[in-house]
Amino acid sequence: MRTYNWAILGCGKIARKFAGDLKLLPNARLYAAASRDFANARQFATDLGFEKAYGSYEEMVNDPNVDVVYVATPHSHHYEHALLCLNHKKAVLCEKAFAINSREVGEMIAVAHANNTFLMEAFWTRFQPSFQKAIEIVHSGGLGALKMVRSDFSFNAEYAPEKRLYNVHLGGGSLLDIGIYPVFASLMALGKPTDIKTMVNFSPTGAEETILMSFKYAGGEMASLVSSFAAHSSIQTEFGCENGFVRLNRRWFAPTTLTVWKAGENEEVITFPQGKGFGYELEAAHVMQCLDEGLPESPMMPHALSADLMEILDRVRKEAGIVFP
């Protein structure tokens, strides 16, 4: 098993969780941390056990020993930073949302192809056994045809206009930060919708705070999706079928439990063993497996899936009037 030298580009909160989970993988070497603030990079490296710290992203990508880079900057900078890494032939795992719009995603994919360099969106939910099992049950047909998806992800966030969540210059708003999860669930279950309707509430900064999304599909299936920074919700996803339902229970986007009910039977709760980390180690392990096999992209989170996801998000933004500078 080859050991890969990982670098972190952007030393924020999510990067700390991801780096902590990297420690669980025997073939992942915590090699470099990079920030535009060297003191921040050095503190991050010290806290988490990285060997090197860089005060610029350019220095980091010019290090020949870096194998793969986890991009964890705000949405607004994913395009720039992914291209920087790809053009230096560094494999990239880029946090979601992959970028701000489909044009950026398309160029990121094109540059990855041109450089024959691995690129994957870090959609960790895709790799959770609970999510995979739910999709497997729904698509098996054992509960009859899937007719409806209901999914929410909301919490009461601090209103801080200058910070990422409410700052439109950083791609702020609930849609790209957490609304992307319900949209992803509907995409994995039903594909791309034919019709999209929204209701939206904007914050004083112009960032969308709460959005309700209704999707309709070619076969008459429906999806009801919600994201918000204004209130807490149960954070569940339910797949309604002709003869029963599958529910991903609270905090469904992370390792969780499943409830399955079939008409005429009792509910069954499926519990999955909890790992030692948050669950990010699963996507990191998959990236290294892809690199071991010489794959240019992931078969589980392929470029086409990320492109479809961003296309839907673009349509939602257009319908809702969500505009980034």
C-alpha atoms as a PDB file:
ATOM      1  CA  MET A   1       0.000   0.000   0.000  1.00  0.00           C
ATOM      2  CA  ARG A   2       1.489   3.299  -1.071  1.00  0.00           C
ATOM      3  CA  THR A   3       1.616   6.141   1.453  1.00  0.00           C
ATOM      4  CA  TYR A   4       0.394   9.511   0.172  1.00  0.00           C
ATOM      5  CA  ASN A   5       1.603  12.902   1.340  1.00  0.00           C
ATOM      6  CA  TRP A   6      -1.473  15.020   2.056  1.00  0.00           C
ATOM      7  CA  ALA A   7      -1.524  18.800   2.082  1.00  0.00           C
ATOM      8  CA  ILE A   8      -4.287  20.997   3.442  1.00  0.00           C
ATOM      9  CA  LEU A   9      -5.073  24.203   1.545  1.00  0.00           C
ATOM     10  CA  GLY A  10      -7.030  26.453   3.891  1.00  0.00           C
ATOM     11  CA  CYS A  11      -6.681  25.825   7.621  1.00  0.00           C
ATOM     12  CA  GLY A  12     -10.205  26.409   8.904  1.00  0.00           C
ATOM     13  CA  LYS A  13     -12.668  24.454  11.029  1.00  0.00           C
ATOM     14  CA  ILE A  14     -13.639  21.826   8.453  1.00  0.00           C
ATOM     15  CA  ALA A  15      -9.955  21.275   7.622  1.00  0.00           C
ATOM     16  CA  ARG A  16      -9.259  20.458  11.265  1.00  0.00           C
ATOM     17  CA  LYS A  17     -11.940  17.774  11.304  1.00  0.00           C
ATOM     18  CA  PHE A  18     -10.743  16.325   8.016  1.00  0.00           C
ATOM     19  CA  ALA A  19      -7.105  16.297   9.113  1.00  0.00           C
ATOM     20  CA  GLY A  20      -8.041  14.593  12.363  1.00  0.00           C
ATOM     21  CA  ASP A  21      -9.732  11.819  10.383  1.00  0.00           C
ATOM     22  CA  LEU A  22      -6.702  11.481   8.087  1.00  0.00           C
ATOM     23  CA  LYS A  23      -4.764  10.271  11.107  1.00  0.00           C
ATOM     24  CA  LEU A  24      -6.943   7.150  11.117  1.00  0.00           C
ATOM     25  CA  LEU A  25      -5.607   6.032   7.734  1.00  0.00           C
ATOM     26  CA  PRO A  26      -2.277   4.168   7.748  1.00  0.00           C
ATOM     27  CA  ASN A  27      -1.448   5.198   4.162  1.00  0.00           C
ATOM     28  CA  ALA A  28      -2.084   8.918   4.740  1.00  0.00           C
ATOM     29  CA  ARG A  29       0.881  11.028   5.791  1.00  0.00           C
ATOM     30  CA  LEU A  30       0.074  14.423   7.283  1.00  0.00           C
ATOM     31  CA  TYR A  31       2.652  16.327   5.322  1.00  0.00           C
ATOM     32  CA  ALA A  32       1.863  20.013   4.773  1.00  0.00           C
ATOM     33  CA  ALA A  33      -0.571  22.735   5.841  1.00  0.00           C
ATOM     34  CA  ALA A  34      -0.900  25.957   3.859  1.00  0.00           C
ATOM     35  CA  SER A  35      -2.553  29.253   4.688  1.00  0.00           C
ATOM     36  CA  ARG A  36      -2.134  32.827   3.523  1.00  0.00           C
ATOM     37  CA  ASP A  37      -1.253  33.520   7.155  1.00  0.00           C
ATOM     38  CA  PHE A  38       1.913  31.605   8.028  1.00  0.00           C
ATOM     39  CA  ALA A  39       1.211  31.814  11.763  1.00  0.00           C
ATOM     40  CA  ASN A  40      -2.159  30.150  11.152  1.00  0.00           C
ATOM     41  CA  ALA A  41      -0.568  27.410   9.033  1.00  0.00           C
ATOM     42  CA  ARG A  42       2.147  26.805  11.616  1.00  0.00           C
ATOM     43  CA  GLN A  43      -0.376  26.561  14.461  1.00  0.00           C
ATOM     44  CA  PHE A  44      -2.553  24.201  12.405  1.00  0.00           C
ATOM     45  CA  ALA A  45       0.462  22.027  11.559  1.00  0.00           C
ATOM     46  CA  THR A  46       1.593  21.942  15.192  1.00  0.00           C
ATOM     47  CA  ASP A  47      -1.854  21.113  16.554  1.00  0.00           C
ATOM     48  CA  LEU A  48      -2.527  18.299  14.103  1.00  0.00           C
ATOM     49  CA  GLY A  49       0.939  16.910  13.507  1.00  0.00           C
ATOM     50  CA  PHE A  50       1.758  18.038   9.971  1.00  0.00           C
ATOM     51  CA  GLU A  51       5.428  18.063   9.049  1.00  0.00           C
ATOM     52  CA  LYS A  52       5.471  21.360   7.174  1.00  0.00           C
ATOM     53  CA  ALA A  53       3.689  24.696   7.193  1.00  0.00           C
ATOM     54  CA  TYR A  54       3.487  27.148   4.299  1.00  0.00           C
ATOM     55  CA  GLY A  55       2.499  30.807   4.333  1.00  0.00           C
ATOM     56  CA  SER A  56       1.312  30.719   0.730  1.00  0.00           C
ATOM     57  CA  TYR A  57      -0.543  28.248  -1.429  1.00  0.00           C
ATOM     58  CA  GLU A  58       1.964  28.718  -4.257  1.00  0.00           C
ATOM     59  CA  GLU A  59       4.812  27.535  -2.019  1.00  0.00           C
ATOM     60  CA  MET A  60       2.844  24.445  -1.094  1.00  0.00           C
ATOM     61  CA  VAL A  61       1.953  23.370  -4.657  1.00  0.00           C
ATOM     62  CA  ASN A  62       5.609  23.820  -5.679  1.00  0.00           C
ATOM     63  CA  ASP A  63       6.687  21.262  -3.090  1.00  0.00           C
ATOM     64  CA  PRO A  64       7.451  18.134  -5.166  1.00  0.00           C
ATOM     65  CA  ASN A  65       6.650  15.854  -2.224  1.00  0.00           C
ATOM     66  CA  VAL A  66       2.962  16.844  -2.056  1.00  0.00           C
ATOM     67  CA  ASP A  67       0.810  14.084  -3.584  1.00  0.00           C
ATOM     68  CA  VAL A  68      -2.767  15.165  -2.903  1.00  0.00           C
ATOM     69  CA  VAL A  69      -4.331  18.413  -1.713  1.00  0.00           C
ATOM     70  CA  TYR A  70      -7.537  18.874   0.273  1.00  0.00           C
ATOM     71  CA  VAL A  71      -8.993  22.268  -0.680  1.00  0.00           C
ATOM     72  CA  ALA A  72     -10.933  23.700   2.258  1.00  0.00           C
ATOM     73  CA  THR A  73     -11.240  27.413   1.484  1.00  0.00           C
ATOM     74  CA  PRO A  74     -14.630  29.190   1.074  1.00  0.00           C
ATOM     75  CA  HIS A  75     -16.810  28.268  -1.920  1.00  0.00           C
ATOM     76  CA  SER A  76     -15.816  31.440  -3.737  1.00  0.00           C
ATOM     77  CA  HIS A  77     -12.169  30.313  -3.879  1.00  0.00           C
ATOM     78  CA  HIS A  78     -12.520  26.625  -4.776  1.00  0.00           C
ATOM     79  CA  TYR A  79     -12.198  27.274  -8.507  1.00  0.00           C
ATOM     80  CA  GLU A  80      -9.009  29.327  -8.142  1.00  0.00           C
ATOM     81  CA  HIS A  81      -7.357  26.968  -5.688  1.00  0.00           C
ATOM     82  CA  ALA A  82      -8.340  23.752  -7.444  1.00  0.00           C
ATOM     83  CA  LEU A  83      -6.894  25.073 -10.703  1.00  0.00           C
ATOM     84  CA  LEU A  84      -3.696  26.102  -8.911  1.00  0.00           C
ATOM     85  CA  CYS A  85      -3.234  22.539  -7.657  1.00  0.00           C
ATOM     86  CA  LEU A  86      -4.278  20.829 -10.890  1.00  0.00           C
ATOM     87  CA  ASN A  87      -1.912  22.947 -12.966  1.00  0.00           C
ATOM     88  CA  HIS A  88       0.888  21.761 -10.670  1.00  0.00           C
ATOM     89  CA  LYS A  89      -0.210  18.133 -11.183  1.00  0.00           C
ATOM     90  CA  LYS A  90      -1.410  17.715  -7.605  1.00  0.00           C
ATOM     91  CA  ALA A  91      -4.385  15.403  -7.050  1.00  0.00           C
ATOM     92  CA  VAL A  92      -7.286  17.394  -5.599  1.00  0.00           C
ATOM     93  CA  LEU A  93     -10.073  16.632  -3.152  1.00  0.00           C
ATOM     94  CA  CYS A  94     -12.103  19.865  -3.143  1.00  0.00           C
ATOM     95  CA  GLU A  95     -14.752  20.637  -0.559  1.00  0.00           C
ATOM     96  CA  LYS A  96     -18.319  21.099  -1.651  1.00  0.00           C
ATOM     97  CA  ALA A  97     -19.841  23.147  -3.072  1.00  0.00           C
ATOM     98  CA  PHE A  98     -17.339  22.272  -5.818  1.00  0.00           C
ATOM     99  CA  ALA A  99     -17.372  25.885  -7.045  1.00  0.00           C
ATOM    100  CA  ILE A 100     -19.780  28.832  -7.416  1.00  0.00           C
ATOM    101  CA  ASN A 101     -21.386  27.867 -10.739  1.00  0.00           C
ATOM    102  CA  SER A 102     -21.360  25.395 -13.622  1.00  0.00           C
ATOM    103  CA  ARG A 103     -18.907  27.418 -15.695  1.00  0.00           C
ATOM    104  CA  GLU A 104     -16.285  27.118 -12.964  1.00  0.00           C
ATOM    105  CA  VAL A 105     -17.007  23.415 -12.420  1.00  0.00           C
ATOM    106  CA  GLY A 106     -16.721  22.760 -16.143  1.00  0.00           C
ATOM    107  CA  GLU A 107     -13.343  24.442 -16.336  1.00  0.00           C
ATOM    108  CA  MET A 108     -12.058  22.593 -13.258  1.00  0.00           C
ATOM    109  CA  ILE A 109     -13.002  19.287 -14.874  1.00  0.00           C
ATOM    110  CA  ALA A 110     -11.445  20.317 -18.203  1.00  0.00           C
ATOM    111  CA  VAL A 111      -8.172  21.294 -16.519  1.00  0.00           C
ATOM    112  CA  ALA A 112      -8.109  18.007 -14.588  1.00  0.00           C
ATOM    113  CA  HIS A 113      -8.486  16.126 -17.878  1.00  0.00           C
ATOM    114  CA  ALA A 114      -5.869  18.265 -19.634  1.00  0.00           C
ATOM    115  CA  ASN A 115      -3.357  17.598 -16.861  1.00  0.00           C
ATOM    116  CA  ASN A 116      -4.380  13.960 -16.415  1.00  0.00           C
ATOM    117  CA  THR A 117      -4.723  14.740 -12.706  1.00  0.00           C
ATOM    118  CA  PHE A 118      -7.244  13.358 -10.224  1.00  0.00           C
ATOM    119  CA  LEU A 119     -10.060  15.656  -9.081  1.00  0.00           C
ATOM    120  CA  MET A 120     -13.013  14.845  -6.817  1.00  0.00           C
ATOM    121  CA  GLU A 121     -15.625  16.829  -4.935  1.00  0.00           C
ATOM    122  CA  ALA A 122     -15.436  16.136  -1.201  1.00  0.00           C
ATOM    123  CA  PHE A 123     -19.059  15.102  -0.748  1.00  0.00           C
ATOM    124  CA  TRP A 124     -18.497  12.940   2.311  1.00  0.00           C
ATOM    125  CA  THR A 125     -22.172  11.908   2.589  1.00  0.00           C
ATOM    126  CA  ARG A 126     -21.741   9.862  -0.588  1.00  0.00           C
ATOM    127  CA  PHE A 127     -19.349   7.564   1.290  1.00  0.00           C
ATOM    128  CA  GLN A 128     -21.410   7.023   4.453  1.00  0.00           C
ATOM    129  CA  PRO A 129     -22.678   3.418   4.750  1.00  0.00           C
ATOM    130  CA  SER A 130     -26.043   4.662   6.021  1.00  0.00           C
ATOM    131  CA  PHE A 131     -26.597   6.863   2.962  1.00  0.00           C
ATOM    132  CA  GLN A 132     -25.437   4.149   0.595  1.00  0.00           C
ATOM    133  CA  LYS A 133     -27.804   1.646   2.220  1.00  0.00           C
ATOM    134  CA  ALA A 134     -30.762   4.020   1.965  1.00  0.00           C
ATOM    135  CA  ILE A 135     -30.193   4.571  -1.745  1.00  0.00           C
ATOM    136  CA  GLU A 136     -29.718   0.817  -2.249  1.00  0.00           C
ATOM    137  CA  ILE A 137     -33.061   0.036  -0.556  1.00  0.00           C
ATOM    138  CA  VAL A 138     -34.919   2.722  -2.487  1.00  0.00           C
ATOM    139  CA  HIS A 139     -33.523   1.615  -5.841  1.00  0.00           C
ATOM    140  CA  SER A 140     -34.038  -2.107  -5.112  1.00  0.00           C
ATOM    141  CA  GLY A 141     -37.777  -1.786  -5.672  1.00  0.00           C
ATOM    142  CA  GLY A 142     -38.612  -3.734  -2.538  1.00  0.00           C
ATOM    143  CA  LEU A 143     -40.785  -0.881  -1.296  1.00  0.00           C
ATOM    144  CA  GLY A 144     -42.287  -0.169  -4.682  1.00  0.00           C
ATOM    145  CA  ALA A 145     -41.556   2.847  -6.838  1.00  0.00           C
ATOM    146  CA  LEU A 146     -40.045   5.938  -5.212  1.00  0.00           C
ATOM    147  CA  LYS A 147     -42.540   8.789  -5.374  1.00  0.00           C
ATOM    148  CA  MET A 148     -41.347  11.477  -2.976  1.00  0.00           C
ATOM    149  CA  VAL A 149     -38.229  12.805  -1.250  1.00  0.00           C
ATOM    150  CA  ARG A 150     -38.367  15.105   1.775  1.00  0.00           C
ATOM    151  CA  SER A 151     -35.087  16.458   3.102  1.00  0.00           C
ATOM    152  CA  ASP A 152     -34.027  19.271   5.382  1.00  0.00           C
ATOM    153  CA  PHE A 153     -30.848  20.728   6.822  1.00  0.00           C
ATOM    154  CA  SER A 154     -31.248  23.769   9.045  1.00  0.00           C
ATOM    155  CA  PHE A 155     -29.681  25.289  12.115  1.00  0.00           C
ATOM    156  CA  ASN A 156     -29.753  28.644  13.876  1.00  0.00           C
ATOM    157  CA  ALA A 157     -26.481  30.290  12.818  1.00  0.00           C
ATOM    158  CA  GLU A 158     -24.886  33.352  14.318  1.00  0.00           C
ATOM    159  CA  TYR A 159     -25.592  36.384  12.150  1.00  0.00           C
ATOM    160  CA  ALA A 160     -22.088  37.639  11.383  1.00  0.00           C
ATOM    161  CA  PRO A 161     -22.172  39.660   8.123  1.00  0.00           C
ATOM    162  CA  GLU A 162     -18.420  39.524   7.552  1.00  0.00           C
ATOM    163  CA  LYS A 163     -18.075  35.768   8.019  1.00  0.00           C
ATOM    164  CA  ARG A 164     -18.538  33.055   5.412  1.00  0.00           C
ATOM    165  CA  LEU A 165     -22.148  32.008   6.035  1.00  0.00           C
ATOM    166  CA  TYR A 166     -23.651  35.453   5.390  1.00  0.00           C
ATOM    167  CA  ASN A 167     -21.001  36.960   3.124  1.00  0.00           C
ATOM    168  CA  VAL A 168     -22.069  36.875  -0.549  1.00  0.00           C
ATOM    169  CA  HIS A 169     -18.476  37.628  -1.602  1.00  0.00           C
ATOM    170  CA  LEU A 170     -17.536  34.226  -0.139  1.00  0.00           C
ATOM    171  CA  GLY A 171     -20.476  32.393  -1.699  1.00  0.00           C
ATOM    172  CA  GLY A 172     -22.519  32.788   1.489  1.00  0.00           C
ATOM    173  CA  GLY A 173     -26.105  31.680   2.011  1.00  0.00           C
ATOM    174  CA  SER A 174     -27.628  28.417   3.159  1.00  0.00           C
ATOM    175  CA  LEU A 175     -28.003  26.910  -0.337  1.00  0.00           C
ATOM    176  CA  LEU A 176     -24.346  26.237  -1.161  1.00  0.00           C
ATOM    177  CA  ASP A 177     -23.388  25.560   2.443  1.00  0.00           C
ATOM    178  CA  ILE A 178     -26.108  23.167   3.625  1.00  0.00           C
ATOM    179  CA  GLY A 179     -28.925  23.223   1.056  1.00  0.00           C
ATOM    180  CA  ILE A 180     -26.583  21.319  -1.220  1.00  0.00           C
ATOM    181  CA  TYR A 181     -27.147  18.234   0.980  1.00  0.00           C
ATOM    182  CA  PRO A 182     -30.922  17.901   0.392  1.00  0.00           C
ATOM    183  CA  VAL A 183     -30.375  18.676  -3.300  1.00  0.00           C
ATOM    184  CA  PHE A 184     -27.756  15.911  -3.429  1.00  0.00           C
ATOM    185  CA  ALA A 185     -30.121  13.440  -1.750  1.00  0.00           C
ATOM    186  CA  SER A 186     -32.806  14.153  -4.338  1.00  0.00           C
ATOM    187  CA  LEU A 187     -30.282  13.892  -7.184  1.00  0.00           C
ATOM    188  CA  MET A 188     -29.020  10.510  -6.003  1.00  0.00           C
ATOM    189  CA  ALA A 189     -32.556   9.187  -5.567  1.00  0.00           C
ATOM    190  CA  LEU A 190     -34.453  10.711  -8.504  1.00  0.00           C
ATOM    191  CA  GLY A 191     -31.937  12.307 -10.851  1.00  0.00           C
ATOM    192  CA  LYS A 192     -32.342  15.805 -12.294  1.00  0.00           C
ATOM    193  CA  PRO A 193     -35.737  17.511 -11.946  1.00  0.00           C
ATOM    194  CA  THR A 194     -37.754  18.852 -14.843  1.00  0.00           C
ATOM    195  CA  ASP A 195     -39.292  21.728 -12.830  1.00  0.00           C
ATOM    196  CA  ILE A 196     -37.995  23.771  -9.901  1.00  0.00           C
ATOM    197  CA  LYS A 197     -39.929  26.220  -7.717  1.00  0.00           C
ATOM    198  CA  THR A 198     -38.577  28.103  -4.704  1.00  0.00           C
ATOM    199  CA  MET A 199     -39.482  30.427  -1.870  1.00  0.00           C
ATOM    200  CA  VAL A 200     -36.615  32.334  -0.321  1.00  0.00           C
ATOM    201  CA  ASN A 201     -35.823  34.762   2.481  1.00  0.00           C
ATOM    202  CA  PHE A 202     -32.752  36.982   2.214  1.00  0.00           C
ATOM    203  CA  SER A 203     -30.629  38.377   5.028  1.00  0.00           C
ATOM    204  CA  PRO A 204     -29.608  42.066   5.145  1.00  0.00           C
ATOM    205  CA  THR A 205     -26.283  41.185   3.489  1.00  0.00           C
ATOM    206  CA  GLY A 206     -28.099  39.861   0.423  1.00  0.00           C
ATOM    207  CA  ALA A 207     -27.182  36.279   1.284  1.00  0.00           C
ATOM    208  CA  GLU A 208     -30.090  33.853   1.175  1.00  0.00           C
ATOM    209  CA  GLU A 209     -30.912  32.737   4.716  1.00  0.00           C
ATOM    210  CA  THR A 210     -33.765  30.281   4.171  1.00  0.00           C
ATOM    211  CA  ILE A 211     -34.865  28.507   1.013  1.00  0.00           C
ATOM    212  CA  LEU A 212     -37.705  26.107   0.305  1.00  0.00           C
ATOM    213  CA  MET A 213     -37.303  24.094  -2.886  1.00  0.00           C
ATOM    214  CA  SER A 214     -39.908  22.021  -4.708  1.00  0.00           C
ATOM    215  CA  PHE A 215     -38.716  19.720  -7.490  1.00  0.00           C
ATOM    216  CA  LYS A 216     -40.860  17.812  -9.971  1.00  0.00           C
ATOM    217  CA  TYR A 217     -39.599  14.938 -12.128  1.00  0.00           C
ATOM    218  CA  ALA A 218     -40.525  13.459 -15.481  1.00  0.00           C
ATOM    219  CA  GLY A 219     -42.429  10.557 -13.930  1.00  0.00           C
ATOM    220  CA  GLY A 220     -44.445  12.793 -11.595  1.00  0.00           C
ATOM    221  CA  GLU A 221     -42.178  12.239  -8.576  1.00  0.00           C
ATOM    222  CA  MET A 222     -41.711  15.186  -6.207  1.00  0.00           C
ATOM    223  CA  ALA A 223     -39.068  16.445  -3.799  1.00  0.00           C
ATOM    224  CA  SER A 224     -39.554  18.932  -0.962  1.00  0.00           C
ATOM    225  CA  LEU A 225     -36.248  20.356   0.246  1.00  0.00           C
ATOM    226  CA  VAL A 226     -35.357  22.969   2.897  1.00  0.00           C
ATOM    227  CA  SER A 227     -32.229  24.682   4.163  1.00  0.00           C
ATOM    228  CA  SER A 228     -31.930  27.541   6.617  1.00  0.00           C
ATOM    229  CA  PHE A 229     -29.605  29.428   8.926  1.00  0.00           C
ATOM    230  CA  ALA A 230     -32.600  30.848  10.835  1.00  0.00           C
ATOM    231  CA  ALA A 231     -33.943  27.855  12.757  1.00  0.00           C
ATOM    232  CA  HIS A 232     -33.134  24.353  13.898  1.00  0.00           C
ATOM    233  CA  SER A 233     -34.793  21.403  12.180  1.00  0.00           C
ATOM    234  CA  SER A 234     -34.845  17.628  12.598  1.00  0.00           C
ATOM    235  CA  ILE A 235     -32.239  17.259   9.797  1.00  0.00           C
ATOM    236  CA  GLN A 236     -33.746  14.104   8.339  1.00  0.00           C
ATOM    237  CA  THR A 237     -34.293  12.732   4.853  1.00  0.00           C
ATOM    238  CA  GLU A 238     -37.229  10.525   3.964  1.00  0.00           C
ATOM    239  CA  PHE A 239     -37.741   8.573   0.757  1.00  0.00           C
ATOM    240  CA  GLY A 240     -41.448   7.856   0.264  1.00  0.00           C
ATOM    241  CA  CYS A 241     -42.242   4.794  -1.845  1.00  0.00           C
ATOM    242  CA  GLU A 242     -45.509   3.169  -2.957  1.00  0.00           C
ATOM    243  CA  ASN A 243     -45.347   0.509  -0.252  1.00  0.00           C
ATOM    244  CA  GLY A 244     -43.251   2.062   2.494  1.00  0.00           C
ATOM    245  CA  PHE A 245     -40.503   4.520   3.327  1.00  0.00           C
ATOM    246  CA  VAL A 246     -36.842   4.807   4.214  1.00  0.00           C
ATOM    247  CA  ARG A 247     -35.776   7.537   6.622  1.00  0.00           C
ATOM    248  CA  LEU A 248     -32.236   8.668   7.261  1.00  0.00           C
ATOM    249  CA  ASN A 249     -32.485   9.821  10.854  1.00  0.00           C
ATOM    250  CA  ARG A 250     -31.179  12.966  12.517  1.00  0.00           C
ATOM    251  CA  ARG A 251     -27.974  14.414  11.089  1.00  0.00           C
ATOM    252  CA  TRP A 252     -28.649  12.254   8.060  1.00  0.00           C
ATOM    253  CA  PHE A 253     -25.736  13.722   6.068  1.00  0.00           C
ATOM    254  CA  ALA A 254     -23.238  12.113   8.488  1.00  0.00           C
ATOM    255  CA  PRO A 255     -22.991   8.551   9.876  1.00  0.00           C
ATOM    256  CA  THR A 256     -26.499   7.864  11.188  1.00  0.00           C
ATOM    257  CA  THR A 257     -29.256   5.256  11.571  1.00  0.00           C
ATOM    258  CA  LEU A 258     -31.939   4.186   9.108  1.00  0.00           C
ATOM    259  CA  THR A 259     -35.618   3.554   9.718  1.00  0.00           C
ATOM    260  CA  VAL A 260     -37.308   1.300   7.164  1.00  0.00           C
ATOM    261  CA  TRP A 261     -41.059   0.649   7.092  1.00  0.00           C
ATOM    262  CA  LYS A 262     -43.032  -1.554   4.695  1.00  0.00           C
ATOM    263  CA  ALA A 263     -46.818  -1.575   4.646  1.00  0.00           C
ATOM    264  CA  GLY A 264     -48.164  -4.281   6.951  1.00  0.00           C
ATOM    265  CA  GLU A 265     -44.868  -4.704   8.803  1.00  0.00           C
ATOM    266  CA  ASN A 266     -43.184  -3.113  11.835  1.00  0.00           C
ATOM    267  CA  GLU A 267     -40.580  -0.394  11.473  1.00  0.00           C
ATOM    268  CA  GLU A 268     -36.991  -1.610  11.389  1.00  0.00           C
ATOM    269  CA  VAL A 269     -34.124   0.536  12.633  1.00  0.00           C
ATOM    270  CA  ILE A 270     -30.738  -0.242  11.092  1.00  0.00           C
ATOM    271  CA  THR A 271     -27.742   0.879  13.134  1.00  0.00           C
ATOM    272  CA  PHE A 272     -24.299   1.218  11.598  1.00  0.00           C
ATOM    273  CA  PRO A 273     -21.050   0.835  13.556  1.00  0.00           C
ATOM    274  CA  GLN A 274     -19.589   4.209  14.411  1.00  0.00           C
ATOM    275  CA  GLY A 275     -16.005   4.789  13.374  1.00  0.00           C
ATOM    276  CA  LYS A 276     -13.400   6.591  15.411  1.00  0.00           C
ATOM    277  CA  GLY A 277     -13.613   9.743  13.284  1.00  0.00           C
ATOM    278  CA  PHE A 278     -16.273  12.071  11.937  1.00  0.00           C
ATOM    279  CA  GLY A 279     -16.593  10.108   8.698  1.00  0.00           C
ATOM    280  CA  TYR A 280     -14.239  12.127   6.479  1.00  0.00           C
ATOM    281  CA  GLU A 281     -11.725   9.290   6.505  1.00  0.00           C
ATOM    282  CA  LEU A 282     -14.001   7.331   4.147  1.00  0.00           C
ATOM    283  CA  GLU A 283     -13.714   9.830   1.297  1.00  0.00           C
ATOM    284  CA  ALA A 284      -9.975  10.236   1.885  1.00  0.00           C
ATOM    285  CA  ALA A 285      -9.470   6.466   1.767  1.00  0.00           C
ATOM    286  CA  HIS A 286     -11.451   6.340  -1.468  1.00  0.00           C
ATOM    287  CA  VAL A 287      -9.269   9.047  -3.030  1.00  0.00           C
ATOM    288  CA  MET A 288      -6.133   7.061  -2.238  1.00  0.00           C
ATOM    289  CA  GLN A 289      -7.698   3.888  -3.617  1.00  0.00           C
ATOM    290  CA  CYS A 290      -8.448   5.740  -6.864  1.00  0.00           C
ATOM    291  CA  LEU A 291      -4.842   6.978  -6.992  1.00  0.00           C
ATOM    292  CA  ASP A 292      -3.580   3.436  -6.341  1.00  0.00           C
ATOM    293  CA  GLU A 293      -5.611   2.266  -9.337  1.00  0.00           C
ATOM    294  CA  GLY A 294      -4.490   5.162 -11.539  1.00  0.00           C
ATOM    295  CA  LEU A 295      -8.033   6.462 -12.009  1.00  0.00           C
ATOM    296  CA  PRO A 296      -8.478  10.044 -13.323  1.00  0.00           C
ATOM    297  CA  GLU A 297     -11.751  10.424 -11.419  1.00  0.00           C
ATOM    298  CA  SER A 298     -13.845   8.629  -8.829  1.00  0.00           C
ATOM    299  CA  PRO A 299     -16.395   6.033  -9.936  1.00  0.00           C
ATOM    300  CA  MET A 300     -18.453   6.862  -6.827  1.00  0.00           C
ATOM    301  CA  MET A 301     -18.285  10.664  -7.073  1.00  0.00           C
ATOM    302  CA  PRO A 302     -17.541  11.174 -10.784  1.00  0.00           C
ATOM    303  CA  HIS A 303     -17.149  14.543 -12.482  1.00  0.00           C
ATOM    304  CA  ALA A 304     -20.531  14.134 -14.184  1.00  0.00           C
ATOM    305  CA  LEU A 305     -22.288  13.824 -10.809  1.00  0.00           C
ATOM    306  CA  SER A 306     -20.668  17.028  -9.539  1.00  0.00           C
ATOM    307  CA  ALA A 307     -21.565  18.781 -12.808  1.00  0.00           C
ATOM    308  CA  ASP A 308     -25.207  17.666 -12.509  1.00  0.00           C
ATOM    309  CA  LEU A 309     -25.346  18.811  -8.890  1.00  0.00           C
ATOM    310  CA  MET A 310     -24.024  22.267  -9.759  1.00  0.00           C
ATOM    311  CA  GLU A 311     -26.392  22.541 -12.729  1.00  0.00           C
ATOM    312  CA  ILE A 312     -29.352  21.996 -10.373  1.00  0.00           C
ATOM    313  CA  LEU A 313     -27.953  24.531  -7.882  1.00  0.00           C
ATOM    314  CA  ASP A 314     -27.592  27.061 -10.712  1.00  0.00           C
ATOM    315  CA  ARG A 315     -31.220  26.523 -11.684  1.00  0.00           C
ATOM    316  CA  VAL A 316     -32.311  26.948  -8.060  1.00  0.00           C
ATOM    317  CA  ARG A 317     -30.333  30.186  -7.738  1.00  0.00           C
ATOM    318  CA  LYS A 318     -31.782  31.570 -10.959  1.00  0.00           C
ATOM    319  CA  GLU A 319     -35.362  30.734  -9.947  1.00  0.00           C
ATOM    320  CA  ALA A 320     -34.828  32.147  -6.443  1.00  0.00           C
ATOM    321  CA  GLY A 321     -32.946  35.285  -7.525  1.00  0.00           C
ATOM    322  CA  ILE A 322     -29.793  34.374  -5.607  1.00  0.00           C
ATOM    323  CA  VAL A 323     -26.886  36.335  -7.076  1.00  0.00           C
ATOM    324  CA  PHE A 324     -23.202  36.353  -6.158  1.00  0.00           C
ATOM    325  CA  PRO A 325     -20.970  39.335  -7.046  1.00  0.00           C
END
